[in-house]
Amino acid sequence: MHNASLSKLGYVLALIGGIILLIQGILSLIGTAVSLPAIYASPLGQFGYFAITAIILGIVAIYGSKRLKDLMWTVVLLIVGIVAGGLGGLLVLLGAICALILHFA
């Protein structure tokens, strides 16, 4: 029973972290396009690269949260959590650490 609850906790943490990363990336992309002058209203403006990276990492985290029982996806989500940073990245990292504990316990 203990393994099932830790597995569920890892899944939920990684899923919520991925959703936060995705929302944060979309809001950052919209905010960048709205706040810049018309001449620089490109989605790849000042914070556009962060927004696109956060969206991609959020999608990877949401997809990988269902596959945490596989060691490869656990390592991928560890890397996503480290690279993403912030609250979403921290939650993804904690979810991957829970899954890593299950792999080696």
N, C-alpha and C. Protein backbone atom coordinates (compact mmCIF):
# COMPACT_ATOMS: atom_id res chain seq x y z
N MET A 1 0.81 -1.19 0.00
CA MET A 1 0.00 0.00 0.00
C MET A 1 0.87 1.26 0.00
N HIS A 2 2.01 1.19 0.69
CA HIS A 2 2.89 2.35 0.77
C HIS A 2 3.45 2.71 -0.61
N ASN A 3 3.79 1.70 -1.41
CA ASN A 3 4.32 1.97 -2.75
C ASN A 3 3.26 2.59 -3.65
N ALA A 4 2.03 2.18 -3.50
CA ALA A 4 0.96 2.72 -4.34
C ALA A 4 0.71 4.19 -4.02
N SER A 5 0.77 4.54 -2.74
CA SER A 5 0.52 5.93 -2.39
C SER A 5 1.68 6.82 -2.82
N LEU A 6 2.92 6.32 -2.74
CA LEU A 6 4.07 7.10 -3.19
C LEU A 6 4.06 7.25 -4.71
N SER A 7 3.62 6.21 -5.41
CA SER A 7 3.50 6.29 -6.86
C SER A 7 2.44 7.31 -7.27
N LYS A 8 1.32 7.30 -6.59
CA LYS A 8 0.25 8.26 -6.88
C LYS A 8 0.70 9.68 -6.55
N LEU A 9 1.44 9.86 -5.45
CA LEU A 9 1.95 11.17 -5.09
C LEU A 9 2.90 11.70 -6.16
N GLY A 10 3.79 10.84 -6.65
CA GLY A 10 4.71 11.25 -7.71
C GLY A 10 3.98 11.64 -8.98
N TYR A 11 2.95 10.87 -9.33
CA TYR A 11 2.15 11.19 -10.52
C TYR A 11 1.46 12.54 -10.37
N VAL A 12 0.83 12.76 -9.23
CA VAL A 12 0.08 14.00 -9.01
C VAL A 12 1.02 15.20 -8.99
N LEU A 13 2.15 15.08 -8.32
CA LEU A 13 3.11 16.19 -8.26
C LEU A 13 3.64 16.55 -9.65
N ALA A 14 4.01 15.52 -10.41
CA ALA A 14 4.53 15.78 -11.76
C ALA A 14 3.46 16.37 -12.67
N LEU A 15 2.24 15.88 -12.54
CA LEU A 15 1.14 16.39 -13.38
C LEU A 15 0.82 17.84 -13.04
N ILE A 16 0.70 18.16 -11.77
CA ILE A 16 0.41 19.54 -11.37
C ILE A 16 1.56 20.46 -11.77
N GLY A 17 2.80 20.00 -11.59
CA GLY A 17 3.95 20.80 -12.00
C GLY A 17 3.96 21.05 -13.50
N GLY A 18 3.61 20.04 -14.29
CA GLY A 18 3.55 20.22 -15.74
C GLY A 18 2.46 21.19 -16.15
N ILE A 19 1.32 21.12 -15.49
CA ILE A 19 0.23 22.06 -15.78
C ILE A 19 0.64 23.48 -15.42
N ILE A 20 1.30 23.65 -14.28
CA ILE A 20 1.77 24.98 -13.89
C ILE A 20 2.78 25.51 -14.90
N LEU A 21 3.71 24.66 -15.34
CA LEU A 21 4.69 25.10 -16.35
C LEU A 21 4.01 25.51 -17.65
N LEU A 22 3.03 24.73 -18.07
CA LEU A 22 2.32 25.04 -19.31
C LEU A 22 1.57 26.36 -19.20
N ILE A 23 0.85 26.56 -18.12
CA ILE A 23 0.09 27.80 -17.93
C ILE A 23 1.04 28.99 -17.80
N GLN A 24 2.12 28.81 -17.06
CA GLN A 24 3.10 29.88 -16.89
C GLN A 24 3.73 30.27 -18.23
N GLY A 25 4.03 29.28 -19.07
CA GLY A 25 4.59 29.57 -20.38
C GLY A 25 3.62 30.29 -21.29
N ILE A 26 2.36 29.85 -21.28
CA ILE A 26 1.34 30.51 -22.12
C ILE A 26 1.10 31.94 -21.65
N LEU A 27 0.99 32.14 -20.34
CA LEU A 27 0.79 33.49 -19.83
C LEU A 27 2.00 34.38 -20.11
N SER A 28 3.18 33.82 -20.02
CA SER A 28 4.38 34.60 -20.32
C SER A 28 4.43 34.98 -21.79
N LEU A 29 4.02 34.07 -22.65
CA LEU A 29 4.01 34.35 -24.09
C LEU A 29 2.98 35.42 -24.41
N ILE A 30 1.80 35.33 -23.82
CA ILE A 30 0.77 36.34 -24.05
C ILE A 30 1.19 37.68 -23.47
N GLY A 31 1.75 37.66 -22.27
CA GLY A 31 2.18 38.89 -21.63
C GLY A 31 3.30 39.57 -22.40
N THR A 32 4.19 38.80 -22.99
CA THR A 32 5.28 39.37 -23.78
C THR A 32 4.73 40.02 -25.03
N ALA A 33 3.79 39.36 -25.70
CA ALA A 33 3.25 39.90 -26.93
C ALA A 33 2.42 41.15 -26.67
N VAL A 34 1.78 41.24 -25.52
CA VAL A 34 0.92 42.37 -25.21
C VAL A 34 1.73 43.55 -24.67
N SER A 35 2.75 43.29 -23.87
CA SER A 35 3.44 44.37 -23.18
C SER A 35 4.50 45.07 -24.04
N LEU A 36 4.95 44.45 -25.11
CA LEU A 36 5.98 45.07 -25.94
C LEU A 36 5.34 46.05 -26.92
N PRO A 37 6.09 47.08 -27.36
CA PRO A 37 5.57 47.99 -28.38
C PRO A 37 5.26 47.23 -29.68
N ALA A 38 4.48 47.85 -30.53
CA ALA A 38 4.03 47.18 -31.76
C ALA A 38 5.20 46.75 -32.64
N ILE A 39 6.26 47.49 -32.65
CA ILE A 39 7.41 47.16 -33.50
C ILE A 39 8.10 45.88 -33.03
N TYR A 40 8.05 45.61 -31.72
CA TYR A 40 8.70 44.42 -31.16
C TYR A 40 7.69 43.39 -30.68
N ALA A 41 6.49 43.41 -31.19
CA ALA A 41 5.43 42.52 -30.70
C ALA A 41 5.58 41.12 -31.27
N SER A 42 6.75 40.58 -31.17
CA SER A 42 7.02 39.22 -31.62
C SER A 42 6.88 38.26 -30.44
N PRO A 43 6.37 37.05 -30.68
CA PRO A 43 6.31 36.09 -29.60
C PRO A 43 7.70 35.69 -29.11
N LEU A 44 8.72 35.94 -29.90
CA LEU A 44 10.08 35.64 -29.49
C LEU A 44 10.78 36.89 -28.98
N GLY A 45 10.03 37.70 -28.27
CA GLY A 45 10.58 38.94 -27.73
C GLY A 45 11.52 38.67 -26.58
N GLN A 46 11.54 39.57 -25.64
CA GLN A 46 12.50 39.51 -24.54
C GLN A 46 12.35 38.23 -23.71
N PHE A 47 11.14 37.83 -23.39
CA PHE A 47 10.92 36.63 -22.58
C PHE A 47 10.31 35.49 -23.40
N GLY A 48 10.31 35.62 -24.71
CA GLY A 48 9.69 34.60 -25.56
C GLY A 48 10.36 33.26 -25.49
N TYR A 49 11.67 33.24 -25.36
CA TYR A 49 12.38 31.97 -25.29
C TYR A 49 12.04 31.22 -24.02
N PHE A 50 11.92 31.94 -22.91
CA PHE A 50 11.50 31.30 -21.66
C PHE A 50 10.09 30.73 -21.81
N ALA A 51 9.22 31.47 -22.45
CA ALA A 51 7.83 31.02 -22.60
C ALA A 51 7.75 29.76 -23.43
N ILE A 52 8.46 29.73 -24.54
CA ILE A 52 8.43 28.55 -25.41
C ILE A 52 9.06 27.36 -24.70
N THR A 53 10.15 27.59 -23.98
CA THR A 53 10.79 26.51 -23.23
C THR A 53 9.87 25.98 -22.14
N ALA A 54 9.19 26.87 -21.43
CA ALA A 54 8.27 26.44 -20.37
C ALA A 54 7.10 25.65 -20.95
N ILE A 55 6.60 26.05 -22.11
CA ILE A 55 5.50 25.31 -22.74
C ILE A 55 5.96 23.91 -23.13
N ILE A 56 7.12 23.81 -23.75
CA ILE A 56 7.63 22.50 -24.17
C ILE A 56 7.90 21.61 -22.96
N LEU A 57 8.53 22.16 -21.94
CA LEU A 57 8.82 21.37 -20.74
C LEU A 57 7.54 20.98 -20.01
N GLY A 58 6.54 21.84 -20.02
CA GLY A 58 5.25 21.51 -19.41
C GLY A 58 4.57 20.35 -20.13
N ILE A 59 4.62 20.36 -21.45
CA ILE A 59 4.02 19.27 -22.22
C ILE A 59 4.77 17.96 -21.95
N VAL A 60 6.09 18.02 -21.91
CA VAL A 60 6.88 16.82 -21.61
C VAL A 60 6.57 16.31 -20.21
N ALA A 61 6.41 17.21 -19.24
CA ALA A 61 6.10 16.80 -17.87
C ALA A 61 4.72 16.17 -17.77
N ILE A 62 3.75 16.74 -18.47
CA ILE A 62 2.40 16.16 -18.44
C ILE A 62 2.40 14.78 -19.09
N TYR A 63 3.09 14.65 -20.21
CA TYR A 63 3.16 13.36 -20.91
C TYR A 63 3.93 12.35 -20.06
N GLY A 64 5.03 12.77 -19.46
CA GLY A 64 5.87 11.86 -18.69
C GLY A 64 5.32 11.50 -17.34
N SER A 65 4.38 12.28 -16.82
CA SER A 65 3.85 11.97 -15.49
C SER A 65 3.11 10.64 -15.47
N LYS A 66 2.54 10.25 -16.59
CA LYS A 66 1.83 8.97 -16.68
C LYS A 66 2.80 7.80 -16.79
N ARG A 67 4.05 8.08 -17.14
CA ARG A 67 5.03 7.03 -17.39
C ARG A 67 6.15 7.01 -16.36
N LEU A 68 5.86 7.42 -15.16
CA LEU A 68 6.89 7.48 -14.12
C LEU A 68 7.35 6.10 -13.65
N LYS A 69 6.62 5.06 -14.00
CA LYS A 69 7.05 3.71 -13.61
C LYS A 69 8.25 3.24 -14.43
N ASP A 70 8.49 3.89 -15.55
CA ASP A 70 9.64 3.59 -16.38
C ASP A 70 10.81 4.45 -15.92
N LEU A 71 11.97 3.84 -15.70
CA LEU A 71 13.13 4.56 -15.17
C LEU A 71 13.59 5.67 -16.11
N MET A 72 13.49 5.44 -17.42
CA MET A 72 13.92 6.46 -18.38
C MET A 72 13.09 7.74 -18.23
N TRP A 73 11.78 7.60 -18.08
CA TRP A 73 10.93 8.78 -17.93
C TRP A 73 11.14 9.46 -16.59
N THR A 74 11.52 8.69 -15.59
CA THR A 74 11.85 9.30 -14.30
C THR A 74 13.06 10.21 -14.43
N VAL A 75 14.08 9.73 -15.14
CA VAL A 75 15.28 10.54 -15.35
C VAL A 75 14.96 11.76 -16.22
N VAL A 76 14.12 11.58 -17.23
CA VAL A 76 13.73 12.70 -18.09
C VAL A 76 13.02 13.77 -17.26
N LEU A 77 12.13 13.36 -16.36
CA LEU A 77 11.41 14.33 -15.55
C LEU A 77 12.31 14.97 -14.50
N LEU A 78 13.33 14.25 -14.04
CA LEU A 78 14.32 14.88 -13.16
C LEU A 78 15.01 16.03 -13.89
N ILE A 79 15.40 15.79 -15.12
CA ILE A 79 16.07 16.83 -15.92
C ILE A 79 15.11 17.97 -16.22
N VAL A 80 13.86 17.65 -16.55
CA VAL A 80 12.86 18.70 -16.81
C VAL A 80 12.67 19.58 -15.58
N GLY A 81 12.59 18.97 -14.41
CA GLY A 81 12.42 19.73 -13.19
C GLY A 81 13.58 20.65 -12.89
N ILE A 82 14.79 20.17 -13.16
CA ILE A 82 15.98 20.99 -12.92
C ILE A 82 16.05 22.14 -13.91
N VAL A 83 15.80 21.86 -15.18
CA VAL A 83 15.90 22.88 -16.22
C VAL A 83 14.79 23.92 -16.10
N ALA A 84 13.58 23.48 -15.78
CA ALA A 84 12.44 24.40 -15.76
C ALA A 84 12.52 25.39 -14.61
N GLY A 85 12.85 24.93 -13.42
CA GLY A 85 12.91 25.83 -12.27
C GLY A 85 11.54 26.33 -11.88
N GLY A 86 11.49 27.18 -10.91
CA GLY A 86 10.22 27.73 -10.45
C GLY A 86 9.38 26.70 -9.72
N LEU A 87 8.15 27.06 -9.44
CA LEU A 87 7.25 26.18 -8.70
C LEU A 87 6.90 24.93 -9.51
N GLY A 88 6.60 25.10 -10.79
CA GLY A 88 6.27 23.94 -11.62
C GLY A 88 7.43 22.97 -11.74
N GLY A 89 8.62 23.50 -11.94
CA GLY A 89 9.80 22.65 -12.04
C GLY A 89 10.08 21.93 -10.73
N LEU A 90 9.85 22.61 -9.62
CA LEU A 90 10.06 21.98 -8.32
C LEU A 90 9.09 20.83 -8.10
N LEU A 91 7.84 21.02 -8.48
CA LEU A 91 6.86 19.95 -8.32
C LEU A 91 7.17 18.76 -9.22
N VAL A 92 7.61 19.03 -10.44
CA VAL A 92 8.01 17.95 -11.34
C VAL A 92 9.21 17.20 -10.75
N LEU A 93 10.16 17.95 -10.23
CA LEU A 93 11.35 17.35 -9.62
C LEU A 93 10.97 16.48 -8.42
N LEU A 94 10.08 16.96 -7.57
CA LEU A 94 9.65 16.17 -6.41
C LEU A 94 8.90 14.91 -6.84
N GLY A 95 8.07 15.01 -7.88
CA GLY A 95 7.37 13.84 -8.38
C GLY A 95 8.34 12.81 -8.95
N ALA A 96 9.37 13.27 -9.64
CA ALA A 96 10.37 12.34 -10.18
C ALA A 96 11.20 11.72 -9.06
N ILE A 97 11.48 12.47 -8.01
CA ILE A 97 12.22 11.90 -6.88
C ILE A 97 11.39 10.82 -6.18
N CYS A 98 10.08 11.03 -6.05
CA CYS A 98 9.20 10.00 -5.49
C CYS A 98 9.26 8.73 -6.33
N ALA A 99 9.22 8.88 -7.63
CA ALA A 99 9.28 7.72 -8.51
C ALA A 99 10.65 7.05 -8.45
N LEU A 100 11.70 7.85 -8.31
CA LEU A 100 13.05 7.30 -8.21
C LEU A 100 13.21 6.50 -6.92
N ILE A 101 12.62 6.95 -5.84
CA ILE A 101 12.64 6.20 -4.58
C ILE A 101 11.96 4.86 -4.77
N LEU A 102 10.85 4.84 -5.51
CA LEU A 102 10.15 3.58 -5.76
C LEU A 102 10.98 2.62 -6.60
N HIS A 103 11.74 3.15 -7.55
CA HIS A 103 12.55 2.29 -8.41
C HIS A 103 13.64 1.57 -7.63
N PHE A 104 14.22 2.25 -6.66
CA PHE A 104 15.37 1.68 -5.97
C PHE A 104 15.07 1.21 -4.55
N ALA A 105 13.81 1.25 -4.15
CA ALA A 105 13.45 0.78 -2.80
C ALA A 105 13.00 -0.68 -2.85
